[in-house]
Amino acid sequence: MIQKALFDELGERLAEAARSAPAQDLEKNLRALLLAFFDRFELATREDLEVQKRLLERAQAKLAALEARIAELEARPKRPA
C-alpha cells in the first residue's frame, strides 16, 4: 500500500508540474521531481553507477598487479641468511 501511495503522489505531482510549468521548463522540472521521488527509494543514478564501475575497475587492476608481484617475489629463489 505504501508504494501505491507513493506512485499516486508521483502522478499528482507530475500532473501539477505539467499544468504549472511552461513547455521549456517542463523537462527540467520533471527531472528534478523524479530525482527527488526516486531518492526515497535510495536508487543510484547512471552517473553514480559509472563512477563506481570505474573505481572498481581501477581497484581490480591494482589487485591483479599486486597479485602478480607477490607471485613473482614468491617464485624467486630464497637467499641464505
Protein backbone atom coordinates (compact mmCIF):
# COMPACT_ATOMS: atom_id res chain seq x y z
CA MET A 1 0.00 0.00 0.00
CA ILE A 2 2.87 2.39 0.73
CA GLN A 3 4.20 2.00 -2.79
CA LYS A 4 0.76 2.68 -4.30
CA ALA A 5 0.51 5.85 -2.24
CA LEU A 6 3.95 6.96 -3.43
CA PHE A 7 3.05 6.35 -7.06
CA ASP A 8 -0.27 8.15 -6.61
CA GLU A 9 1.63 11.10 -5.14
CA LEU A 10 4.07 10.99 -8.05
CA GLY A 11 1.17 11.05 -10.51
CA GLU A 12 -0.37 14.04 -8.78
CA ARG A 13 2.93 15.93 -8.75
CA LEU A 14 3.57 15.18 -12.43
CA ALA A 15 0.11 16.43 -13.34
CA GLU A 16 0.66 19.57 -11.28
CA ALA A 17 4.07 20.18 -12.88
CA ALA A 18 2.60 19.76 -16.36
CA ARG A 19 -0.15 22.27 -15.60
CA SER A 20 2.02 24.90 -13.97
CA ALA A 21 5.29 24.83 -15.95
CA PRO A 22 5.99 26.41 -19.33
CA ALA A 23 6.96 23.91 -22.02
CA GLN A 24 10.69 24.73 -21.97
CA ASP A 25 10.90 24.22 -18.19
CA LEU A 26 8.78 21.09 -18.13
CA GLU A 27 11.65 18.63 -18.76
CA LYS A 28 13.88 20.28 -16.14
CA ASN A 29 11.08 20.32 -13.57
CA LEU A 30 10.05 16.73 -14.27
CA ARG A 31 13.64 15.54 -13.98
CA ALA A 32 14.05 17.27 -10.61
CA LEU A 33 10.73 15.88 -9.44
CA LEU A 34 11.60 12.34 -10.50
CA LEU A 35 15.06 12.54 -8.90
CA ALA A 36 13.51 13.66 -5.62
CA PHE A 37 10.87 10.92 -5.85
CA PHE A 38 13.31 8.13 -6.61
CA ASP A 39 15.66 9.39 -3.90
CA ARG A 40 13.14 8.00 -1.44
CA PHE A 41 13.92 4.55 -2.79
CA GLU A 42 17.67 5.16 -2.44
CA LEU A 43 18.29 4.45 -6.12
CA ALA A 44 21.57 5.40 -7.76
CA THR A 45 21.82 7.45 -10.93
CA ARG A 46 23.53 6.14 -14.05
CA GLU A 47 26.36 8.62 -13.45
CA ASP A 48 26.89 7.30 -9.91
CA LEU A 49 27.00 3.74 -11.21
CA GLU A 50 29.51 4.66 -13.91
CA VAL A 51 31.80 6.31 -11.34
CA GLN A 52 31.60 3.25 -9.10
CA LYS A 53 32.27 0.99 -12.08
CA ARG A 54 35.44 2.91 -12.97
CA LEU A 55 36.63 2.84 -9.35
CA LEU A 56 36.04 -0.91 -9.17
CA GLU A 57 37.91 -1.47 -12.44
CA ARG A 58 40.90 0.50 -11.12
CA ALA A 59 40.87 -1.42 -7.84
CA GLN A 60 40.71 -4.74 -9.72
CA ALA A 61 43.64 -3.72 -11.92
CA LYS A 62 45.72 -2.74 -8.88
CA LEU A 63 44.83 -6.01 -7.16
CA ALA A 64 45.86 -8.02 -10.22
CA ALA A 65 49.18 -6.15 -10.37
CA LEU A 66 49.83 -6.77 -6.68
CA GLU A 67 48.96 -10.46 -7.01
CA ALA A 68 51.36 -10.76 -9.95
CA ARG A 69 54.10 -9.02 -7.96
CA ILE A 70 53.58 -11.32 -4.98
CA ALA A 71 53.71 -14.38 -7.23
CA GLU A 72 56.94 -13.06 -8.77
CA LEU A 73 58.52 -12.48 -5.36
CA GLU A 74 57.43 -15.87 -4.09
CA ALA A 75 58.92 -17.59 -7.17
CA ARG A 76 62.39 -16.11 -6.59
CA PRO A 77 64.92 -18.44 -5.04
CA LYS A 78 65.46 -17.79 -1.38
CA ARG A 79 68.79 -16.26 -0.39
CA PRO A 80 70.58 -17.81 2.51
CA ALA A 81 70.65 -15.57 5.55
